[in-house]
Amino acid sequence: MKISASFLSSYNIAADLIRLNDTDVDYIHVDFMDGKFVKNKTLPFRQMKHIYEYTSKRLDVHLMVEKPKKWIAKFATLNTEFITVHIETEDVLSSLEQIHTYGIKAGLSLKLETPIEEVVPYLPYIDLILVMSVEPGMGGQAFQEEAIKKVKELKKLLKKYKAMIEISVDGGINQDNAKKLKDADILVSGNYITSQEDFQKQIDCLRGRL
């Protein structure tokens, strides 16, 4: 199981990024919000672009914005593995194609209420599906159990279409619900990791090592 660590709930982002860099976490999950697609706004890009100063981990960028295309080019300049856009936004296909022009893996995110069948037309264009297990836009929310069923159904759908696409789950992830998400490939966790003293121990718990 891969782990992508979010700093959305961090009080000292620079310090937490440095500490995460000393763990074996797979990715740093970067939530970027415009205050339009979701109510909250995150740090502006002029500050986000300095992430590389604190970590050499690859970035897993989640764009919670109405118009992803203008931000894709900016985040493509960083040490980025994935850029994920929401299926509920405009020009989805064009955004996915744009991501691939930079040699970056393209992800598609679904809100809890969005039917998984909506991803089918985009399967040839994506490398990752990000299932939201909370309402996007705020850290520290409680995990919604219906996400477990959604991940299982998505796994079956991908098998049906013979699609080699990774499944990621984001929102309220902890040791208990991680055990129920064996069909996922990546778990995104923020507060569960960064609210504790020993980041590596929390990551080990999510991986099922402890």
C-alpha atoms as a PDB file:
ATOM      1  CA  MET A   1       0.000   0.000   0.000  1.00  0.00           C
ATOM      2  CA  LYS A   2       1.372   3.393  -1.005  1.00  0.00           C
ATOM      3  CA  ILE A   3       0.893   6.380   1.307  1.00  0.00           C
ATOM      4  CA  SER A   4       0.519   9.995   0.209  1.00  0.00           C
ATOM      5  CA  ALA A   5       0.895  12.410   3.125  1.00  0.00           C
ATOM      6  CA  SER A   6      -1.147  15.610   3.151  1.00  0.00           C
ATOM      7  CA  PHE A   7      -0.083  18.763   4.985  1.00  0.00           C
ATOM      8  CA  LEU A   8      -3.544  20.351   4.734  1.00  0.00           C
ATOM      9  CA  SER A   9      -4.010  20.223   8.520  1.00  0.00           C
ATOM     10  CA  SER A  10      -0.434  21.211   9.377  1.00  0.00           C
ATOM     11  CA  TYR A  11       0.238  24.231  11.567  1.00  0.00           C
ATOM     12  CA  ASN A  12       3.903  24.381  10.547  1.00  0.00           C
ATOM     13  CA  ILE A  13       4.046  23.231   6.938  1.00  0.00           C
ATOM     14  CA  ALA A  14       7.793  23.652   6.421  1.00  0.00           C
ATOM     15  CA  ALA A  15       8.677  21.693   9.570  1.00  0.00           C
ATOM     16  CA  ASP A  16       6.206  18.918   8.757  1.00  0.00           C
ATOM     17  CA  LEU A  17       7.511  18.605   5.192  1.00  0.00           C
ATOM     18  CA  ILE A  18      11.055  18.237   6.504  1.00  0.00           C
ATOM     19  CA  ARG A  19       9.913  15.544   8.944  1.00  0.00           C
ATOM     20  CA  LEU A  20       7.926  13.738   6.245  1.00  0.00           C
ATOM     21  CA  ASN A  21      10.992  13.780   4.031  1.00  0.00           C
ATOM     22  CA  ASP A  22      12.754  11.641   6.647  1.00  0.00           C
ATOM     23  CA  THR A  23      10.048   8.948   6.455  1.00  0.00           C
ATOM     24  CA  ASP A  24       9.409   6.330   3.780  1.00  0.00           C
ATOM     25  CA  VAL A  25       6.142   7.965   2.704  1.00  0.00           C
ATOM     26  CA  ASP A  26       5.664   7.585  -1.053  1.00  0.00           C
ATOM     27  CA  TYR A  27       4.280  11.010  -1.953  1.00  0.00           C
ATOM     28  CA  ILE A  28       3.475  14.426  -0.567  1.00  0.00           C
ATOM     29  CA  HIS A  29      -0.180  15.162  -1.273  1.00  0.00           C
ATOM     30  CA  VAL A  30      -0.686  18.785  -2.285  1.00  0.00           C
ATOM     31  CA  ASP A  31      -4.236  20.106  -1.943  1.00  0.00           C
ATOM     32  CA  PHE A  32      -4.776  23.259  -3.970  1.00  0.00           C
ATOM     33  CA  MET A  33      -8.101  25.107  -3.658  1.00  0.00           C
ATOM     34  CA  ASP A  34      -9.374  28.247  -5.340  1.00  0.00           C
ATOM     35  CA  GLY A  35     -12.232  29.138  -2.966  1.00  0.00           C
ATOM     36  CA  LYS A  36     -14.701  28.565  -5.811  1.00  0.00           C
ATOM     37  CA  PHE A  37     -14.928  24.841  -6.503  1.00  0.00           C
ATOM     38  CA  VAL A  38     -14.705  24.404  -2.721  1.00  0.00           C
ATOM     39  CA  LYS A  39     -15.224  27.088  -0.079  1.00  0.00           C
ATOM     40  CA  ASN A  40     -11.701  27.076   1.305  1.00  0.00           C
ATOM     41  CA  LYS A  41      -8.525  28.446  -0.237  1.00  0.00           C
ATOM     42  CA  THR A  42      -5.041  27.089   0.290  1.00  0.00           C
ATOM     43  CA  LEU A  43      -1.656  28.773   0.096  1.00  0.00           C
ATOM     44  CA  PRO A  44      -1.163  30.651  -3.184  1.00  0.00           C
ATOM     45  CA  PHE A  45       1.059  28.999  -5.778  1.00  0.00           C
ATOM     46  CA  ARG A  46       3.805  31.567  -5.194  1.00  0.00           C
ATOM     47  CA  GLN A  47       4.254  29.898  -1.809  1.00  0.00           C
ATOM     48  CA  MET A  48       3.432  26.346  -2.867  1.00  0.00           C
ATOM     49  CA  LYS A  49       6.243  26.377  -5.409  1.00  0.00           C
ATOM     50  CA  HIS A  50       8.792  26.435  -2.571  1.00  0.00           C
ATOM     51  CA  ILE A  51       7.818  22.931  -1.411  1.00  0.00           C
ATOM     52  CA  TYR A  52      10.986  21.551  -3.042  1.00  0.00           C
ATOM     53  CA  GLU A  53      13.061  23.452  -0.458  1.00  0.00           C
ATOM     54  CA  TYR A  54      11.722  21.181   2.297  1.00  0.00           C
ATOM     55  CA  THR A  55      11.219  17.799   0.640  1.00  0.00           C
ATOM     56  CA  SER A  56      12.573  15.736  -2.227  1.00  0.00           C
ATOM     57  CA  LYS A  57       9.482  13.482  -2.242  1.00  0.00           C
ATOM     58  CA  ARG A  58       7.429  13.342  -5.410  1.00  0.00           C
ATOM     59  CA  LEU A  59       4.238  15.375  -5.324  1.00  0.00           C
ATOM     60  CA  ASP A  60       0.682  14.101  -5.672  1.00  0.00           C
ATOM     61  CA  VAL A  61      -1.225  17.268  -6.619  1.00  0.00           C
ATOM     62  CA  HIS A  62      -4.997  17.475  -6.103  1.00  0.00           C
ATOM     63  CA  LEU A  63      -6.560  20.471  -7.851  1.00  0.00           C
ATOM     64  CA  MET A  64      -9.857  21.479  -6.236  1.00  0.00           C
ATOM     65  CA  VAL A  65     -10.441  24.373  -8.604  1.00  0.00           C
ATOM     66  CA  GLU A  66     -13.098  25.408 -11.104  1.00  0.00           C
ATOM     67  CA  LYS A  67     -10.621  25.924 -13.951  1.00  0.00           C
ATOM     68  CA  PRO A  68      -7.760  23.426 -13.612  1.00  0.00           C
ATOM     69  CA  LYS A  69      -5.974  24.188 -16.870  1.00  0.00           C
ATOM     70  CA  LYS A  70      -4.315  27.407 -15.726  1.00  0.00           C
ATOM     71  CA  TRP A  71      -2.871  25.629 -12.674  1.00  0.00           C
ATOM     72  CA  ILE A  72      -1.685  22.473 -14.414  1.00  0.00           C
ATOM     73  CA  ALA A  73       1.164  24.294 -16.163  1.00  0.00           C
ATOM     74  CA  LYS A  74       2.326  25.787 -12.855  1.00  0.00           C
ATOM     75  CA  PHE A  75       2.363  22.545 -10.876  1.00  0.00           C
ATOM     76  CA  ALA A  76       4.018  20.746 -13.792  1.00  0.00           C
ATOM     77  CA  THR A  77       7.169  22.773 -13.024  1.00  0.00           C
ATOM     78  CA  LEU A  78       7.519  21.069  -9.628  1.00  0.00           C
ATOM     79  CA  ASN A  79       8.634  17.544  -8.716  1.00  0.00           C
ATOM     80  CA  THR A  80       5.193  16.192  -9.571  1.00  0.00           C
ATOM     81  CA  GLU A  81       4.185  12.549 -10.100  1.00  0.00           C
ATOM     82  CA  PHE A  82       0.395  13.035 -10.367  1.00  0.00           C
ATOM     83  CA  ILE A  83      -1.914  15.954 -11.085  1.00  0.00           C
ATOM     84  CA  THR A  84      -5.538  15.145 -10.317  1.00  0.00           C
ATOM     85  CA  VAL A  85      -8.534  17.175 -11.447  1.00  0.00           C
ATOM     86  CA  HIS A  86     -12.180  16.742 -10.474  1.00  0.00           C
ATOM     87  CA  ILE A  87     -14.605  15.077 -12.828  1.00  0.00           C
ATOM     88  CA  GLU A  88     -17.151  17.694 -11.737  1.00  0.00           C
ATOM     89  CA  THR A  89     -15.174  20.562 -13.346  1.00  0.00           C
ATOM     90  CA  GLU A  90     -15.103  21.962 -16.875  1.00  0.00           C
ATOM     91  CA  ASP A  91     -12.983  20.755 -19.823  1.00  0.00           C
ATOM     92  CA  VAL A  92     -12.042  17.518 -18.061  1.00  0.00           C
ATOM     93  CA  LEU A  93     -10.665  15.708 -21.103  1.00  0.00           C
ATOM     94  CA  SER A  94      -8.655  18.718 -22.198  1.00  0.00           C
ATOM     95  CA  SER A  95      -7.174  19.003 -18.698  1.00  0.00           C
ATOM     96  CA  LEU A  96      -6.157  15.337 -18.662  1.00  0.00           C
ATOM     97  CA  GLU A  97      -4.511  15.655 -22.064  1.00  0.00           C
ATOM     98  CA  GLN A  98      -2.683  18.772 -20.917  1.00  0.00           C
ATOM     99  CA  ILE A  99      -1.288  16.950 -17.864  1.00  0.00           C
ATOM    100  CA  HIS A 100       0.130  14.207 -20.075  1.00  0.00           C
ATOM    101  CA  THR A 101       1.896  16.711 -22.336  1.00  0.00           C
ATOM    102  CA  TYR A 102       4.216  17.392 -19.381  1.00  0.00           C
ATOM    103  CA  GLY A 103       4.989  13.704 -18.895  1.00  0.00           C
ATOM    104  CA  ILE A 104       2.993  13.703 -15.642  1.00  0.00           C
ATOM    105  CA  LYS A 105       0.438  11.082 -14.645  1.00  0.00           C
ATOM    106  CA  ALA A 106      -3.171  12.273 -14.826  1.00  0.00           C
ATOM    107  CA  GLY A 107      -5.708  11.647 -12.103  1.00  0.00           C
ATOM    108  CA  LEU A 108      -9.463  12.074 -11.924  1.00  0.00           C
ATOM    109  CA  SER A 109     -11.200  12.718  -8.611  1.00  0.00           C
ATOM    110  CA  LEU A 110     -14.785  11.849  -7.676  1.00  0.00           C
ATOM    111  CA  LYS A 111     -16.896  13.317  -4.930  1.00  0.00           C
ATOM    112  CA  LEU A 112     -18.763  10.772  -2.805  1.00  0.00           C
ATOM    113  CA  GLU A 113     -22.072  11.435  -4.532  1.00  0.00           C
ATOM    114  CA  THR A 114     -20.641  11.138  -8.064  1.00  0.00           C
ATOM    115  CA  PRO A 115     -21.429   7.715  -9.653  1.00  0.00           C
ATOM    116  CA  ILE A 116     -18.324   5.727 -10.539  1.00  0.00           C
ATOM    117  CA  GLU A 117     -19.737   5.019 -14.027  1.00  0.00           C
ATOM    118  CA  GLU A 118     -18.957   8.619 -14.935  1.00  0.00           C
ATOM    119  CA  VAL A 119     -15.261   7.762 -15.166  1.00  0.00           C
ATOM    120  CA  VAL A 120     -15.754   5.271 -18.014  1.00  0.00           C
ATOM    121  CA  PRO A 121     -15.302   7.741 -20.924  1.00  0.00           C
ATOM    122  CA  TYR A 122     -12.037   8.936 -19.377  1.00  0.00           C
ATOM    123  CA  LEU A 123     -10.410   5.567 -18.658  1.00  0.00           C
ATOM    124  CA  PRO A 124      -8.033   5.743 -21.646  1.00  0.00           C
ATOM    125  CA  TYR A 125      -6.756   9.111 -20.443  1.00  0.00           C
ATOM    126  CA  ILE A 126      -6.088   8.556 -16.736  1.00  0.00           C
ATOM    127  CA  ASP A 127      -3.519   6.848 -14.537  1.00  0.00           C
ATOM    128  CA  LEU A 128      -5.257   7.392 -11.200  1.00  0.00           C
ATOM    129  CA  ILE A 129      -8.765   7.692  -9.770  1.00  0.00           C
ATOM    130  CA  LEU A 130      -9.028   9.580  -6.493  1.00  0.00           C
ATOM    131  CA  VAL A 131     -12.092   8.644  -4.452  1.00  0.00           C
ATOM    132  CA  MET A 132     -13.051  11.287  -1.917  1.00  0.00           C
ATOM    133  CA  SER A 133     -14.110   9.774   1.413  1.00  0.00           C
ATOM    134  CA  VAL A 134     -15.097  13.190   2.804  1.00  0.00           C
ATOM    135  CA  GLU A 135     -16.510  16.361   1.282  1.00  0.00           C
ATOM    136  CA  PRO A 136     -13.512  17.982  -0.439  1.00  0.00           C
ATOM    137  CA  GLY A 137     -12.138  21.231   0.867  1.00  0.00           C
ATOM    138  CA  MET A 138     -11.265  20.783   4.529  1.00  0.00           C
ATOM    139  CA  GLY A 139      -8.860  18.602   6.515  1.00  0.00           C
ATOM    140  CA  GLY A 140      -9.680  16.660   9.661  1.00  0.00           C
ATOM    141  CA  GLN A 141     -13.113  15.399   8.574  1.00  0.00           C
ATOM    142  CA  ALA A 142     -14.492  12.002   9.581  1.00  0.00           C
ATOM    143  CA  PHE A 143     -14.198   9.172   7.069  1.00  0.00           C
ATOM    144  CA  GLN A 144     -17.453   8.290   5.297  1.00  0.00           C
ATOM    145  CA  GLU A 145     -17.989   4.520   5.255  1.00  0.00           C
ATOM    146  CA  GLU A 146     -19.763   4.521   1.874  1.00  0.00           C
ATOM    147  CA  ALA A 147     -16.350   5.150   0.305  1.00  0.00           C
ATOM    148  CA  ILE A 148     -15.396   1.528   1.067  1.00  0.00           C
ATOM    149  CA  LYS A 149     -18.218   0.204  -1.112  1.00  0.00           C
ATOM    150  CA  LYS A 150     -17.380   2.730  -3.807  1.00  0.00           C
ATOM    151  CA  VAL A 151     -13.766   1.579  -3.954  1.00  0.00           C
ATOM    152  CA  LYS A 152     -14.834  -2.065  -4.239  1.00  0.00           C
ATOM    153  CA  GLU A 153     -17.216  -1.225  -7.088  1.00  0.00           C
ATOM    154  CA  LEU A 154     -14.571   0.840  -8.812  1.00  0.00           C
ATOM    155  CA  LYS A 155     -12.103  -2.041  -8.597  1.00  0.00           C
ATOM    156  CA  LYS A 156     -14.651  -4.288 -10.359  1.00  0.00           C
ATOM    157  CA  LEU A 157     -15.327  -1.646 -13.001  1.00  0.00           C
ATOM    158  CA  LEU A 158     -11.625  -1.268 -13.785  1.00  0.00           C
ATOM    159  CA  LYS A 159     -11.259  -5.052 -14.047  1.00  0.00           C
ATOM    160  CA  LYS A 160     -14.230  -5.179 -16.421  1.00  0.00           C
ATOM    161  CA  TYR A 161     -12.577  -2.638 -18.735  1.00  0.00           C
ATOM    162  CA  LYS A 162      -9.086  -4.133 -18.228  1.00  0.00           C
ATOM    163  CA  ALA A 163      -7.898  -0.694 -17.121  1.00  0.00           C
ATOM    164  CA  MET A 164      -4.536  -0.528 -15.326  1.00  0.00           C
ATOM    165  CA  ILE A 165      -5.395   2.490 -13.200  1.00  0.00           C
ATOM    166  CA  GLU A 166      -4.446   3.097  -9.582  1.00  0.00           C
ATOM    167  CA  ILE A 167      -7.126   3.841  -6.993  1.00  0.00           C
ATOM    168  CA  SER A 168      -6.433   6.439  -4.312  1.00  0.00           C
ATOM    169  CA  VAL A 169      -8.658   7.323  -1.354  1.00  0.00           C
ATOM    170  CA  ASP A 170      -8.588  10.696   0.376  1.00  0.00           C
ATOM    171  CA  GLY A 171     -10.304  11.899   3.539  1.00  0.00           C
ATOM    172  CA  GLY A 172     -10.327  10.866   7.185  1.00  0.00           C
ATOM    173  CA  ILE A 173      -7.935   7.968   6.596  1.00  0.00           C
ATOM    174  CA  ASN A 174      -6.651   6.248   9.739  1.00  0.00           C
ATOM    175  CA  GLN A 175      -5.381   2.831  10.817  1.00  0.00           C
ATOM    176  CA  ASP A 176      -8.879   1.411  11.308  1.00  0.00           C
ATOM    177  CA  ASN A 177     -10.416   2.288   7.958  1.00  0.00           C
ATOM    178  CA  ALA A 178      -7.144   1.607   6.121  1.00  0.00           C
ATOM    179  CA  LYS A 179      -7.699  -2.087   6.900  1.00  0.00           C
ATOM    180  CA  LYS A 180     -11.021  -1.906   5.024  1.00  0.00           C
ATOM    181  CA  LEU A 181      -9.497  -0.318   1.928  1.00  0.00           C
ATOM    182  CA  LYS A 182      -7.421  -3.223   0.615  1.00  0.00           C
ATOM    183  CA  ASP A 183      -8.753  -2.600  -2.897  1.00  0.00           C
ATOM    184  CA  ALA A 184      -7.062   0.811  -2.958  1.00  0.00           C
ATOM    185  CA  ASP A 185      -3.499   1.337  -4.161  1.00  0.00           C
ATOM    186  CA  ILE A 186      -2.808   4.666  -2.441  1.00  0.00           C
ATOM    187  CA  LEU A 187      -4.146   6.126   0.803  1.00  0.00           C
ATOM    188  CA  VAL A 188      -3.996   9.869   1.360  1.00  0.00           C
ATOM    189  CA  SER A 189      -3.661  10.812   5.010  1.00  0.00           C
ATOM    190  CA  GLY A 190      -2.997  14.132   6.677  1.00  0.00           C
ATOM    191  CA  ASN A 191      -4.152  14.789  10.215  1.00  0.00           C
ATOM    192  CA  TYR A 192      -3.680  11.137  11.242  1.00  0.00           C
ATOM    193  CA  ILE A 193       0.031  11.486  10.456  1.00  0.00           C
ATOM    194  CA  THR A 194       0.893  15.101  11.215  1.00  0.00           C
ATOM    195  CA  SER A 195      -1.018  15.385  14.497  1.00  0.00           C
ATOM    196  CA  GLN A 196       1.264  12.797  16.103  1.00  0.00           C
ATOM    197  CA  GLU A 197       4.874  12.998  17.227  1.00  0.00           C
ATOM    198  CA  ASP A 198       6.149   9.957  15.324  1.00  0.00           C
ATOM    199  CA  PHE A 199       5.243  10.367  11.640  1.00  0.00           C
ATOM    200  CA  GLN A 200       6.911   7.113  10.594  1.00  0.00           C
ATOM    201  CA  LYS A 201       4.953   5.104  13.162  1.00  0.00           C
ATOM    202  CA  GLN A 202       1.671   6.489  11.793  1.00  0.00           C
ATOM    203  CA  ILE A 203       2.720   5.663   8.247  1.00  0.00           C
ATOM    204  CA  ASP A 204       3.659   2.135   9.334  1.00  0.00           C
ATOM    205  CA  CYS A 205       0.222   1.748  10.912  1.00  0.00           C
ATOM    206  CA  LEU A 206      -1.470   2.748   7.665  1.00  0.00           C
ATOM    207  CA  ARG A 207       0.632   0.233   5.733  1.00  0.00           C
ATOM    208  CA  GLY A 208      -0.400  -2.481   8.183  1.00  0.00           C
ATOM    209  CA  ARG A 209       3.108  -2.975   9.543  1.00  0.00           C
ATOM    210  CA  LEU A 210       2.074  -2.329  13.153  1.00  0.00           C
END
